[in-house]
Structure formats: C-alpha cells, structure tokens
Amino acid sequence: MSRLPDPDSVPMTPEERATFDRRGASGGPSAVWRWVPEIAKPAGALVLQMRNGALDRGAYRVMCLVVARTWSCQHVFAVHTKAAPADGVAPEVIEAIRTRRVPAFARVEERIAYELTTELLATHELLPATYERAVAALGLEHTIELVTGIGVYGTICALLRAFDVAVPESDRVLA
C-alpha cells in the first residue's frame, strides 16, 4: 500500500489538478515526484538523459539491474528486465543478477558495468584497478555516466521503496 495520499482526496485547483494529472500516475518515480513539481522537472530530465545517454546500452541496463537488485526494487528491476534484451543483454545475465549470482558476460562493457556497480555499491569506493579497467574499456565520459547512473537509480530505488509505490503483481520478480 503506497504511503502517498490518494490524489483524489487532496484539494486542488483545476490548474493544479491538470498539472498533477499530466505528470502521470505510473508506478515509477513520477508517482512520487509529481507531488513536488520543483523536483519532478529536473529529476525527470536527468532520468531521461540517463535513458538516452551515450553509455553502451547493455552496460546501462546491467547497471540498472544491479542497482535495482541491490535495493530489491521490483519496479526498476521489472522495467529494465523487459528492456534489456532489446539492448543485447542475454537472458542468462538478467537471471543471474535476479538470483544474486555473478553472470557470465559475453561483452566487456557489460562485465565492467557489473563489476564497477557491484563494487561501488558494496564498498562505497572503487579500487584503482576497477577504475582503470572502466576508463580503458568505456572511456572517462562513459565511466562518469555509469557512476552517475548508479546514483540516479539508487535515488529512484530509495524513493520507490521509501514511499512503498505499488508494483503490479506481474512485475514482482524479486524474492
């Protein structure tokens, strides 16, 4: 049960209601951010930038899946599980992340994304060797994008978990 009020129970002017309704009631972060428009707009822009960024799409999806798995965030995991195959992520990789096993990667970009993300989330730092491998494989710009994504999706997962945003039963794939 969501911790957010039912939008229909909150008094709003017609203009506020129109703006609020336009932001949507998805099960994602918009369901929370729409309550604070000053946060919703820049946060939404950052998420859109991450979604459409220059980082290798498979590496991006692996990062999102690892962050979601770390937080046990059903919504984020489900969204990226559905999109990952189109970005070249093997079903075996997705399943390994879901079941907290180390995947066997065919692509170096995905392996680096997995290693960097798991290390940063577990230790709150990057070993010099991990950093050097990431920059060598991805480049500095994409390593920055990857680390930014870890923070962005960590924030999204925290938000969804803290406000207990509803997730359809069909999207509940994490134990």
N, C-alpha and C. Protein backbone atom coordinates (compact mmCIF):
# COMPACT_ATOMS: atom_id res chain seq x y z
N MET A 1 0.85 -1.18 0.00
CA MET A 1 0.00 0.00 0.00
C MET A 1 0.89 1.24 0.00
N SER A 2 0.68 2.10 -0.93
CA SER A 2 1.50 3.30 -1.06
C SER A 2 1.35 4.20 0.16
N ARG A 3 2.41 4.86 0.51
CA ARG A 3 2.38 5.83 1.60
C ARG A 3 1.94 7.21 1.12
N LEU A 4 1.74 7.34 -0.16
CA LEU A 4 1.33 8.63 -0.73
C LEU A 4 -0.17 8.79 -0.62
N PRO A 5 -0.65 10.02 -0.47
CA PRO A 5 -2.10 10.21 -0.41
C PRO A 5 -2.75 9.88 -1.75
N ASP A 6 -4.00 9.52 -1.69
CA ASP A 6 -4.79 9.33 -2.90
C ASP A 6 -4.98 10.71 -3.52
N PRO A 7 -4.55 10.91 -4.77
CA PRO A 7 -4.67 12.24 -5.38
C PRO A 7 -6.09 12.78 -5.37
N ASP A 8 -7.08 11.88 -5.42
CA ASP A 8 -8.47 12.34 -5.42
C ASP A 8 -8.91 12.87 -4.06
N SER A 9 -8.13 12.59 -3.01
CA SER A 9 -8.51 13.05 -1.67
C SER A 9 -7.86 14.39 -1.31
N VAL A 10 -7.05 14.93 -2.20
CA VAL A 10 -6.33 16.17 -1.93
C VAL A 10 -6.99 17.32 -2.69
N PRO A 11 -7.37 18.38 -1.96
CA PRO A 11 -7.97 19.52 -2.66
C PRO A 11 -6.95 20.19 -3.58
N MET A 12 -7.36 20.44 -4.82
CA MET A 12 -6.51 21.12 -5.80
C MET A 12 -7.38 22.01 -6.66
N THR A 13 -6.77 23.09 -7.12
CA THR A 13 -7.46 23.93 -8.09
C THR A 13 -7.51 23.16 -9.41
N PRO A 14 -8.36 23.54 -10.34
CA PRO A 14 -8.37 22.85 -11.64
C PRO A 14 -7.01 22.90 -12.35
N GLU A 15 -6.30 24.02 -12.21
CA GLU A 15 -4.98 24.13 -12.84
C GLU A 15 -3.98 23.16 -12.18
N GLU A 16 -3.99 23.10 -10.84
CA GLU A 16 -3.10 22.17 -10.15
C GLU A 16 -3.43 20.73 -10.54
N ARG A 17 -4.71 20.42 -10.60
CA ARG A 17 -5.14 19.06 -10.96
C ARG A 17 -4.66 18.71 -12.37
N ALA A 18 -4.80 19.63 -13.30
CA ALA A 18 -4.37 19.37 -14.68
C ALA A 18 -2.87 19.12 -14.73
N THR A 19 -2.10 19.92 -14.02
CA THR A 19 -0.65 19.75 -14.00
C THR A 19 -0.29 18.44 -13.32
N PHE A 20 -0.94 18.15 -12.22
CA PHE A 20 -0.68 16.93 -11.46
C PHE A 20 -1.00 15.70 -12.32
N ASP A 21 -2.16 15.71 -12.96
CA ASP A 21 -2.58 14.57 -13.77
C ASP A 21 -1.67 14.38 -14.98
N ARG A 22 -1.16 15.49 -15.53
CA ARG A 22 -0.26 15.41 -16.69
C ARG A 22 1.03 14.69 -16.35
N ARG A 23 1.43 14.76 -15.11
CA ARG A 23 2.69 14.12 -14.69
C ARG A 23 2.53 12.60 -14.62
N GLY A 24 1.33 12.12 -14.67
CA GLY A 24 1.10 10.67 -14.72
C GLY A 24 1.12 10.01 -13.36
N ALA A 25 0.58 8.83 -13.34
CA ALA A 25 0.49 8.06 -12.10
C ALA A 25 1.20 6.73 -12.24
N SER A 26 2.28 6.74 -13.02
CA SER A 26 3.00 5.49 -13.23
C SER A 26 3.49 4.95 -11.90
N GLY A 27 3.88 3.69 -11.93
CA GLY A 27 4.43 3.09 -10.73
C GLY A 27 5.86 3.50 -10.48
N GLY A 28 6.40 4.32 -11.33
CA GLY A 28 7.79 4.74 -11.20
C GLY A 28 7.95 5.97 -10.33
N PRO A 29 9.11 6.60 -10.44
CA PRO A 29 9.39 7.75 -9.59
C PRO A 29 8.45 8.92 -9.82
N SER A 30 7.86 9.01 -11.00
CA SER A 30 6.91 10.10 -11.26
C SER A 30 5.74 10.08 -10.30
N ALA A 31 5.38 8.88 -9.82
CA ALA A 31 4.28 8.77 -8.87
C ALA A 31 4.59 9.52 -7.57
N VAL A 32 5.86 9.66 -7.26
CA VAL A 32 6.28 10.39 -6.05
C VAL A 32 6.63 11.83 -6.41
N TRP A 33 7.46 12.00 -7.43
CA TRP A 33 7.96 13.33 -7.77
C TRP A 33 6.85 14.29 -8.17
N ARG A 34 5.74 13.78 -8.68
CA ARG A 34 4.67 14.70 -9.10
C ARG A 34 4.11 15.51 -7.94
N TRP A 35 4.36 15.05 -6.72
CA TRP A 35 3.90 15.81 -5.55
C TRP A 35 4.76 17.04 -5.30
N VAL A 36 5.94 17.07 -5.89
CA VAL A 36 6.85 18.21 -5.72
C VAL A 36 7.36 18.62 -7.10
N PRO A 37 6.61 19.46 -7.80
CA PRO A 37 6.97 19.82 -9.18
C PRO A 37 8.38 20.39 -9.32
N GLU A 38 8.87 21.07 -8.28
CA GLU A 38 10.21 21.66 -8.35
C GLU A 38 11.29 20.58 -8.43
N ILE A 39 10.99 19.40 -7.94
CA ILE A 39 11.92 18.27 -8.04
C ILE A 39 11.62 17.47 -9.31
N ALA A 40 10.34 17.33 -9.62
CA ALA A 40 9.92 16.47 -10.73
C ALA A 40 10.58 16.86 -12.05
N LYS A 41 10.61 18.14 -12.34
CA LYS A 41 11.12 18.56 -13.65
C LYS A 41 12.61 18.27 -13.82
N PRO A 42 13.49 18.72 -12.93
CA PRO A 42 14.92 18.41 -13.14
C PRO A 42 15.24 16.92 -12.94
N ALA A 43 14.55 16.27 -12.02
CA ALA A 43 14.79 14.83 -11.81
C ALA A 43 14.37 14.05 -13.05
N GLY A 44 13.23 14.39 -13.60
CA GLY A 44 12.76 13.73 -14.81
C GLY A 44 13.71 13.94 -15.97
N ALA A 45 14.26 15.15 -16.07
CA ALA A 45 15.22 15.45 -17.14
C ALA A 45 16.49 14.61 -16.98
N LEU A 46 16.94 14.42 -15.75
CA LEU A 46 18.14 13.62 -15.50
C LEU A 46 17.87 12.15 -15.85
N VAL A 47 16.72 11.64 -15.47
CA VAL A 47 16.38 10.25 -15.81
C VAL A 47 16.31 10.09 -17.33
N LEU A 48 15.71 11.05 -18.01
CA LEU A 48 15.62 10.99 -19.47
C LEU A 48 17.01 11.02 -20.10
N GLN A 49 17.90 11.84 -19.56
CA GLN A 49 19.28 11.89 -20.06
C GLN A 49 19.96 10.55 -19.86
N MET A 50 19.77 9.93 -18.72
CA MET A 50 20.38 8.62 -18.48
C MET A 50 19.81 7.59 -19.46
N ARG A 51 18.51 7.62 -19.66
CA ARG A 51 17.84 6.66 -20.54
C ARG A 51 18.33 6.79 -21.98
N ASN A 52 18.64 8.02 -22.39
CA ASN A 52 19.04 8.28 -23.77
C ASN A 52 20.52 8.64 -23.90
N GLY A 53 21.29 8.33 -22.89
CA GLY A 53 22.69 8.71 -22.86
C GLY A 53 23.55 7.96 -23.87
N ALA A 54 24.83 8.29 -23.87
CA ALA A 54 25.78 7.71 -24.83
C ALA A 54 26.43 6.43 -24.31
N LEU A 55 26.25 6.12 -23.04
CA LEU A 55 26.81 4.89 -22.47
C LEU A 55 26.26 3.69 -23.23
N ASP A 56 27.10 2.70 -23.49
CA ASP A 56 26.66 1.46 -24.11
C ASP A 56 25.37 1.00 -23.45
N ARG A 57 24.35 0.72 -24.25
CA ARG A 57 23.02 0.40 -23.72
C ARG A 57 23.00 -0.88 -22.89
N GLY A 58 23.79 -1.88 -23.27
CA GLY A 58 23.86 -3.09 -22.47
C GLY A 58 24.48 -2.81 -21.10
N ALA A 59 25.53 -2.01 -21.08
CA ALA A 59 26.17 -1.63 -19.82
C ALA A 59 25.19 -0.84 -18.95
N TYR A 60 24.44 0.06 -19.57
CA TYR A 60 23.42 0.84 -18.85
C TYR A 60 22.39 -0.08 -18.21
N ARG A 61 21.89 -1.04 -18.98
CA ARG A 61 20.86 -1.95 -18.44
C ARG A 61 21.42 -2.81 -17.32
N VAL A 62 22.64 -3.29 -17.47
CA VAL A 62 23.25 -4.10 -16.40
C VAL A 62 23.37 -3.26 -15.13
N MET A 63 23.83 -2.02 -15.27
CA MET A 63 23.94 -1.14 -14.10
C MET A 63 22.58 -0.99 -13.43
N CYS A 64 21.53 -0.70 -14.22
CA CYS A 64 20.19 -0.52 -13.66
C CYS A 64 19.73 -1.78 -12.93
N LEU A 65 19.96 -2.93 -13.54
CA LEU A 65 19.54 -4.19 -12.92
C LEU A 65 20.28 -4.46 -11.62
N VAL A 66 21.57 -4.19 -11.59
CA VAL A 66 22.35 -4.41 -10.36
C VAL A 66 21.89 -3.47 -9.26
N VAL A 67 21.67 -2.21 -9.58
CA VAL A 67 21.19 -1.26 -8.57
C VAL A 67 19.82 -1.71 -8.06
N ALA A 68 18.91 -2.06 -8.97
CA ALA A 68 17.57 -2.50 -8.57
C ALA A 68 17.63 -3.76 -7.72
N ARG A 69 18.50 -4.70 -8.09
CA ARG A 69 18.63 -5.93 -7.31
C ARG A 69 19.18 -5.63 -5.92
N THR A 70 20.15 -4.73 -5.85
CA THR A 70 20.73 -4.36 -4.56
C THR A 70 19.67 -3.79 -3.62
N TRP A 71 18.78 -2.97 -4.16
CA TRP A 71 17.70 -2.35 -3.39
C TRP A 71 16.46 -3.24 -3.30
N SER A 72 16.45 -4.38 -3.99
CA SER A 72 15.24 -5.21 -4.12
C SER A 72 14.06 -4.35 -4.57
N CYS A 73 14.31 -3.55 -5.58
CA CYS A 73 13.30 -2.62 -6.11
C CYS A 73 12.60 -3.26 -7.31
N GLN A 74 11.42 -3.78 -7.03
CA GLN A 74 10.66 -4.53 -8.03
C GLN A 74 10.41 -3.72 -9.31
N HIS A 75 9.96 -2.48 -9.16
CA HIS A 75 9.60 -1.67 -10.32
C HIS A 75 10.78 -1.47 -11.26
N VAL A 76 11.89 -1.01 -10.73
CA VAL A 76 13.06 -0.73 -11.57
C VAL A 76 13.59 -2.03 -12.19
N PHE A 77 13.61 -3.10 -11.41
CA PHE A 77 14.09 -4.37 -11.97
C PHE A 77 13.19 -4.83 -13.11
N ALA A 78 11.88 -4.74 -12.92
CA ALA A 78 10.94 -5.18 -13.96
C ALA A 78 11.08 -4.34 -15.23
N VAL A 79 11.16 -3.03 -15.08
CA VAL A 79 11.29 -2.15 -16.25
C VAL A 79 12.53 -2.50 -17.06
N HIS A 80 13.65 -2.68 -16.39
CA HIS A 80 14.90 -2.92 -17.10
C HIS A 80 15.04 -4.37 -17.55
N THR A 81 14.38 -5.30 -16.90
CA THR A 81 14.35 -6.68 -17.37
C THR A 81 13.63 -6.75 -18.71
N LYS A 82 12.55 -6.00 -18.84
CA LYS A 82 11.79 -6.01 -20.10
C LYS A 82 12.57 -5.35 -21.23
N ALA A 83 13.34 -4.31 -20.94
CA ALA A 83 14.04 -3.56 -21.97
C ALA A 83 15.43 -4.12 -22.30
N ALA A 84 16.03 -4.83 -21.36
CA ALA A 84 17.43 -5.27 -21.53
C ALA A 84 17.67 -6.16 -22.74
N PRO A 85 16.81 -7.13 -23.05
CA PRO A 85 17.10 -7.97 -24.22
C PRO A 85 17.22 -7.18 -25.53
N ALA A 86 16.41 -6.16 -25.69
CA ALA A 86 16.49 -5.33 -26.91
C ALA A 86 17.81 -4.59 -26.98
N ASP A 87 18.46 -4.41 -25.83
CA ASP A 87 19.76 -3.75 -25.79
C ASP A 87 20.91 -4.75 -25.76
N GLY A 88 20.60 -6.01 -26.04
CA GLY A 88 21.63 -7.03 -26.19
C GLY A 88 22.02 -7.77 -24.93
N VAL A 89 21.35 -7.53 -23.81
CA VAL A 89 21.69 -8.23 -22.57
C VAL A 89 21.05 -9.62 -22.62
N ALA A 90 21.88 -10.64 -22.44
CA ALA A 90 21.41 -12.02 -22.51
C ALA A 90 20.46 -12.35 -21.36
N PRO A 91 19.44 -13.14 -21.62
CA PRO A 91 18.52 -13.56 -20.54
C PRO A 91 19.25 -14.22 -19.37
N GLU A 92 20.34 -14.94 -19.66
CA GLU A 92 21.10 -15.59 -18.59
C GLU A 92 21.75 -14.57 -17.66
N VAL A 93 22.15 -13.43 -18.22
CA VAL A 93 22.74 -12.36 -17.41
C VAL A 93 21.67 -11.77 -16.50
N ILE A 94 20.51 -11.51 -17.04
CA ILE A 94 19.40 -10.95 -16.26
C ILE A 94 19.04 -11.90 -15.12
N GLU A 95 18.92 -13.18 -15.44
CA GLU A 95 18.54 -14.17 -14.42
C GLU A 95 19.62 -14.29 -13.35
N ALA A 96 20.88 -14.25 -13.73
CA ALA A 96 21.96 -14.32 -12.74
C ALA A 96 21.89 -13.13 -11.79
N ILE A 97 21.66 -11.95 -12.33
CA ILE A 97 21.55 -10.76 -11.46
C ILE A 97 20.33 -10.91 -10.55
N ARG A 98 19.21 -11.36 -11.11
CA ARG A 98 18.00 -11.53 -10.31
C ARG A 98 18.22 -12.48 -9.14
N THR A 99 18.98 -13.54 -9.38
CA THR A 99 19.20 -14.56 -8.34
C THR A 99 20.51 -14.34 -7.57
N ARG A 100 21.08 -13.16 -7.73
CA ARG A 100 22.30 -12.75 -6.99
C ARG A 100 23.50 -13.65 -7.26
N ARG A 101 23.62 -14.07 -8.51
CA ARG A 101 24.80 -14.82 -8.94
C ARG A 101 25.62 -13.94 -9.86
N VAL A 102 26.90 -14.23 -9.97
CA VAL A 102 27.77 -13.46 -10.88
C VAL A 102 27.52 -13.99 -12.29
N PRO A 103 27.09 -13.11 -13.20
CA PRO A 103 26.82 -13.55 -14.57
C PRO A 103 28.09 -13.85 -15.35
N ALA A 104 27.93 -14.66 -16.37
CA ALA A 104 29.00 -14.87 -17.36
C ALA A 104 28.69 -13.91 -18.51
N PHE A 105 29.55 -12.95 -18.72
CA PHE A 105 29.32 -11.92 -19.72
C PHE A 105 30.03 -12.23 -21.02
N ALA A 106 29.34 -12.00 -22.12
CA ALA A 106 29.96 -12.12 -23.44
C ALA A 106 30.57 -10.79 -23.86
N ARG A 107 30.06 -9.69 -23.29
CA ARG A 107 30.51 -8.35 -23.69
C ARG A 107 31.27 -7.67 -22.55
N VAL A 108 32.43 -7.13 -22.88
CA VAL A 108 33.28 -6.50 -21.87
C VAL A 108 32.60 -5.29 -21.22
N GLU A 109 31.83 -4.51 -22.00
CA GLU A 109 31.16 -3.33 -21.44
C GLU A 109 30.19 -3.71 -20.32
N GLU A 110 29.46 -4.79 -20.52
CA GLU A 110 28.52 -5.25 -19.51
C GLU A 110 29.26 -5.77 -18.27
N ARG A 111 30.35 -6.50 -18.50
CA ARG A 111 31.13 -7.03 -17.37
C ARG A 111 31.70 -5.88 -16.53
N ILE A 112 32.25 -4.89 -17.20
CA ILE A 112 32.81 -3.74 -16.48
C ILE A 112 31.70 -3.01 -15.71
N ALA A 113 30.55 -2.82 -16.34
CA ALA A 113 29.43 -2.16 -15.66
C ALA A 113 29.02 -2.94 -14.42
N TYR A 114 28.96 -4.25 -14.55
CA TYR A 114 28.60 -5.10 -13.41
C TYR A 114 29.63 -4.98 -12.29
N GLU A 115 30.90 -5.13 -12.64
CA GLU A 115 31.96 -5.08 -11.63
C GLU A 115 32.03 -3.73 -10.93
N LEU A 116 31.99 -2.67 -11.71
CA LEU A 116 32.06 -1.33 -11.12
C LEU A 116 30.85 -1.06 -10.23
N THR A 117 29.66 -1.39 -10.71
CA THR A 117 28.44 -1.13 -9.95
C THR A 117 28.41 -1.94 -8.67
N THR A 118 28.71 -3.24 -8.75
CA THR A 118 28.66 -4.05 -7.53
C THR A 118 29.73 -3.60 -6.53
N GLU A 119 30.90 -3.25 -7.02
CA GLU A 119 31.97 -2.80 -6.12
C GLU A 119 31.61 -1.48 -5.44
N LEU A 120 31.14 -0.53 -6.21
CA LEU A 120 30.80 0.77 -5.64
C LEU A 120 29.66 0.66 -4.63
N LEU A 121 28.65 -0.13 -4.95
CA LEU A 121 27.52 -0.28 -4.02
C LEU A 121 27.91 -1.05 -2.76
N ALA A 122 28.81 -2.02 -2.89
CA ALA A 122 29.21 -2.83 -1.73
C ALA A 122 30.22 -2.13 -0.84
N THR A 123 31.16 -1.39 -1.45
CA THR A 123 32.27 -0.84 -0.66
C THR A 123 32.25 0.68 -0.55
N HIS A 124 31.42 1.33 -1.36
CA HIS A 124 31.33 2.79 -1.41
C HIS A 124 32.60 3.45 -1.91
N GLU A 125 33.37 2.68 -2.68
CA GLU A 125 34.56 3.22 -3.33
C GLU A 125 34.93 2.31 -4.49
N LEU A 126 35.84 2.79 -5.33
CA LEU A 126 36.35 1.98 -6.43
C LEU A 126 37.83 1.75 -6.24
N LEU A 127 38.23 0.51 -6.36
CA LEU A 127 39.66 0.21 -6.33
C LEU A 127 40.30 0.83 -7.57
N PRO A 128 41.55 1.23 -7.47
CA PRO A 128 42.22 1.80 -8.64
C PRO A 128 42.15 0.89 -9.86
N ALA A 129 42.29 -0.41 -9.66
CA ALA A 129 42.26 -1.34 -10.80
C ALA A 129 40.89 -1.35 -11.47
N THR A 130 39.81 -1.27 -10.70
CA THR A 130 38.47 -1.25 -11.27
C THR A 130 38.26 0.04 -12.05
N TYR A 131 38.69 1.14 -11.46
CA TYR A 131 38.57 2.43 -12.14
C TYR A 131 39.33 2.42 -13.47
N GLU A 132 40.56 1.94 -13.43
CA GLU A 132 41.40 1.91 -14.64
C GLU A 132 40.80 1.01 -15.72
N ARG A 133 40.25 -0.15 -15.33
CA ARG A 133 39.61 -1.04 -16.31
C ARG A 133 38.39 -0.36 -16.92
N ALA A 134 37.61 0.34 -16.10
CA ALA A 134 36.41 1.02 -16.61
C ALA A 134 36.79 2.11 -17.60
N VAL A 135 37.75 2.93 -17.25
CA VAL A 135 38.15 4.02 -18.16
C VAL A 135 38.77 3.44 -19.44
N ALA A 136 39.55 2.37 -19.31
CA ALA A 136 40.14 1.75 -20.51
C ALA A 136 39.06 1.17 -21.42
N ALA A 137 38.03 0.57 -20.84
CA ALA A 137 37.00 -0.10 -21.65
C ALA A 137 35.92 0.86 -22.13
N LEU A 138 35.55 1.81 -21.28
CA LEU A 138 34.41 2.68 -21.58
C LEU A 138 34.80 4.10 -21.95
N GLY A 139 35.96 4.53 -21.50
CA GLY A 139 36.36 5.93 -21.64
C GLY A 139 35.92 6.70 -20.40
N LEU A 140 36.56 7.82 -20.16
CA LEU A 140 36.25 8.62 -18.98
C LEU A 140 34.80 9.12 -18.98
N GLU A 141 34.35 9.66 -20.12
CA GLU A 141 32.99 10.21 -20.20
C GLU A 141 31.94 9.16 -19.85
N HIS A 142 32.10 7.96 -20.37
CA HIS A 142 31.11 6.92 -20.12
C HIS A 142 31.24 6.33 -18.72
N THR A 143 32.45 6.36 -18.17
CA THR A 143 32.61 5.94 -16.78
C THR A 143 31.89 6.93 -15.87
N ILE A 144 32.00 8.20 -16.17
CA ILE A 144 31.26 9.22 -15.40
C ILE A 144 29.76 8.99 -15.54
N GLU A 145 29.31 8.71 -16.76
CA GLU A 145 27.89 8.45 -16.99
C GLU A 145 27.42 7.23 -16.21
N LEU A 146 28.24 6.19 -16.19
CA LEU A 146 27.90 4.97 -15.44
C LEU A 146 27.76 5.25 -13.95
N VAL A 147 28.73 5.94 -13.38
CA VAL A 147 28.68 6.23 -11.95
C VAL A 147 27.51 7.17 -11.63
N THR A 148 27.25 8.12 -12.50
CA THR A 148 26.08 8.99 -12.31
C THR A 148 24.81 8.16 -12.31
N GLY A 149 24.72 7.21 -13.23
CA GLY A 149 23.55 6.33 -13.29
C GLY A 149 23.36 5.53 -12.01
N ILE A 150 24.44 5.08 -11.42
CA ILE A 150 24.34 4.34 -10.15
C ILE A 150 23.68 5.23 -9.09
N GLY A 151 24.09 6.50 -9.04
CA GLY A 151 23.48 7.42 -8.08
C GLY A 151 22.03 7.72 -8.40
N VAL A 152 21.73 7.96 -9.67
CA VAL A 152 20.37 8.28 -10.08
C VAL A 152 19.43 7.12 -9.78
N TYR A 153 19.82 5.91 -10.20
CA TYR A 153 18.94 4.76 -9.98
C TYR A 153 18.90 4.34 -8.52
N GLY A 154 19.96 4.59 -7.77
CA GLY A 154 19.90 4.37 -6.32
C GLY A 154 18.88 5.29 -5.68
N THR A 155 18.85 6.54 -6.13
CA THR A 155 17.85 7.50 -5.63
C THR A 155 16.44 7.05 -5.99
N ILE A 156 16.26 6.61 -7.22
CA ILE A 156 14.93 6.16 -7.65
C ILE A 156 14.49 4.95 -6.82
N CYS A 157 15.38 4.00 -6.63
CA CYS A 157 15.03 2.82 -5.83
C CYS A 157 14.70 3.20 -4.39
N ALA A 158 15.49 4.10 -3.82
CA ALA A 158 15.21 4.55 -2.45
C ALA A 158 13.85 5.21 -2.37
N LEU A 159 13.54 6.03 -3.34
CA LEU A 159 12.27 6.75 -3.39
C LEU A 159 11.10 5.77 -3.47
N LEU A 160 11.19 4.81 -4.38
CA LEU A 160 10.10 3.86 -4.57
C LEU A 160 9.92 2.97 -3.34
N ARG A 161 11.03 2.59 -2.71
CA ARG A 161 10.94 1.75 -1.51
C ARG A 161 10.42 2.57 -0.32
N ALA A 162 10.92 3.79 -0.15
CA ALA A 162 10.52 4.61 1.00
C ALA A 162 9.03 4.95 0.97
N PHE A 163 8.50 5.20 -0.24
CA PHE A 163 7.09 5.58 -0.35
C PHE A 163 6.20 4.40 -0.73
N ASP A 164 6.78 3.21 -0.74
CA ASP A 164 6.04 1.98 -0.97
C ASP A 164 5.12 2.09 -2.19
N VAL A 165 5.72 2.55 -3.29
CA VAL A 165 4.96 2.73 -4.53
C VAL A 165 4.51 1.35 -5.02
N ALA A 166 3.24 1.25 -5.34
CA ALA A 166 2.65 -0.03 -5.76
C ALA A 166 3.30 -0.55 -7.04
N VAL A 167 3.45 -1.85 -7.08
CA VAL A 167 4.00 -2.55 -8.25
C VAL A 167 3.01 -3.64 -8.62
N PRO A 168 2.63 -3.72 -9.89
CA PRO A 168 1.72 -4.80 -10.29
C PRO A 168 2.29 -6.17 -9.94
N GLU A 169 1.45 -7.08 -9.56
CA GLU A 169 1.90 -8.43 -9.18
C GLU A 169 2.74 -9.08 -10.27
N SER A 170 2.40 -8.84 -11.52
CA SER A 170 3.14 -9.43 -12.64
C SER A 170 4.58 -8.93 -12.73
N ASP A 171 4.87 -7.77 -12.11
CA ASP A 171 6.22 -7.22 -12.13
C ASP A 171 7.03 -7.60 -10.89
N ARG A 172 6.46 -8.37 -10.01
CA ARG A 172 7.15 -8.78 -8.78
C ARG A 172 7.96 -10.03 -9.05
N VAL A 173 9.21 -9.84 -9.48
CA VAL A 173 10.06 -10.97 -9.85
C VAL A 173 11.22 -11.18 -8.88
N LEU A 174 11.38 -10.30 -7.92
CA LEU A 174 12.47 -10.41 -6.95
C LEU A 174 11.97 -11.03 -5.65
N ALA A 175 12.76 -11.93 -5.13
CA ALA A 175 12.41 -12.56 -3.84
C ALA A 175 13.10 -11.84 -2.71
